[in-house]
Amino acid sequence: MEESRAVQHMIDIVKKWDPFAQGEGFYETEPVDVVRAVYLFDDSLILGKEIQAIYEISFDQNLDLSECVKLAEELLAIKEQSTC
């Protein structure tokens, strides 16, 4: 998968994630922030903590770290596929 398609695919996944059940399309800046973080961190636990922090800053609510790590693993797999 070429990198630009991978980035768009990751953004779509994060938009659909909807961790606070607000409806798809509710999250404006968070998906881009999360995908940017994917390119900064290669470890799913560290990326999961970063995802958790992004949403905590935006919504002043904590997310379950395990859910953030699951998302991180999925996104890192896509990134890996795009660089092969």
Protein backbone atom coordinates (compact mmCIF):
# COMPACT_ATOMS: atom_id res chain seq x y z
CA MET A 1 0.00 0.00 0.00
CA GLU A 2 1.45 3.37 -0.90
CA GLU A 3 2.05 5.74 1.96
CA SER A 4 -0.56 8.37 1.07
CA ARG A 5 -3.26 5.69 0.87
CA ALA A 6 -2.05 4.26 4.16
CA VAL A 7 -2.33 7.66 5.84
CA GLN A 8 -5.88 8.13 4.54
CA HIS A 9 -6.79 4.61 5.64
CA MET A 10 -5.43 5.30 9.13
CA ILE A 11 -7.37 8.58 9.35
CA ASP A 12 -10.55 6.76 8.33
CA ILE A 13 -9.98 4.10 11.01
CA VAL A 14 -9.41 6.69 13.72
CA LYS A 15 -12.49 8.66 12.66
CA LYS A 16 -14.61 5.50 12.93
CA TRP A 17 -13.08 4.54 16.28
CA ASP A 18 -15.44 6.92 18.17
CA PRO A 19 -14.18 6.26 21.73
CA PHE A 20 -16.71 8.58 23.38
CA ALA A 21 -19.72 7.44 21.30
CA GLN A 22 -20.27 10.89 19.83
CA GLY A 23 -20.84 9.67 16.29
CA GLU A 24 -18.58 9.38 13.31
CA GLY A 25 -17.35 12.77 12.16
CA PHE A 26 -17.43 14.30 15.65
CA TYR A 27 -13.66 14.24 16.01
CA GLU A 28 -12.00 16.94 13.91
CA THR A 29 -8.34 17.23 14.87
CA GLU A 30 -7.72 14.05 16.83
CA PRO A 31 -7.44 11.66 13.85
CA VAL A 32 -4.71 13.78 12.26
CA ASP A 33 -2.88 14.08 15.59
CA VAL A 34 -3.06 10.31 16.08
CA VAL A 35 -1.73 9.54 12.59
CA ARG A 36 1.09 12.04 13.09
CA ALA A 37 1.98 10.16 16.28
CA VAL A 38 2.06 6.87 14.35
CA TYR A 39 5.06 8.24 12.47
CA LEU A 40 6.78 9.31 15.69
CA PHE A 41 6.45 6.08 17.69
CA ASP A 42 7.01 2.44 16.70
CA ASP A 43 6.03 0.86 20.01
CA SER A 44 2.31 0.12 20.45
CA LEU A 45 2.34 0.81 24.20
CA ILE A 46 4.02 4.19 23.79
CA LEU A 47 1.74 5.06 20.87
CA GLY A 48 -1.27 3.90 22.89
CA LYS A 49 -0.31 6.26 25.70
CA GLU A 50 0.07 9.09 23.18
CA ILE A 51 -3.38 8.35 21.73
CA GLN A 52 -4.78 8.35 25.25
CA ALA A 53 -3.15 11.73 25.91
CA ILE A 54 -4.45 13.26 22.66
CA TYR A 55 -8.04 12.44 23.56
CA GLU A 56 -7.61 13.36 27.22
CA ILE A 57 -6.36 16.81 26.26
CA SER A 58 -9.23 17.34 23.84
CA PHE A 59 -12.07 15.97 25.97
CA ASP A 60 -10.78 16.03 29.54
CA GLN A 61 -11.73 12.34 29.88
CA ASN A 62 -9.58 9.26 30.27
CA LEU A 63 -9.72 6.38 27.82
CA ASP A 64 -8.91 2.80 28.70
CA LEU A 65 -5.26 2.29 27.76
CA SER A 66 -5.91 -1.21 26.42
CA GLU A 67 -8.32 0.21 23.82
CA CYS A 68 -5.74 2.80 22.81
CA VAL A 69 -3.08 0.11 22.48
CA LYS A 70 -5.38 -1.98 20.25
CA LEU A 71 -5.84 1.02 17.98
CA ALA A 72 -2.09 1.66 18.05
CA GLU A 73 -1.35 -1.93 16.99
CA GLU A 74 -3.77 -1.68 14.08
CA LEU A 75 -2.31 1.62 12.90
CA LEU A 76 1.28 0.45 13.24
CA ALA A 77 0.46 -2.62 11.15
CA ILE A 78 -0.87 -0.38 8.39
CA LYS A 79 2.22 1.79 8.59
CA GLU A 80 4.43 -1.29 8.35
CA GLN A 81 2.55 -2.50 5.27
CA SER A 82 2.98 0.87 3.58
CA THR A 83 6.75 0.82 4.00
CA CYS A 84 7.30 -2.71 2.70
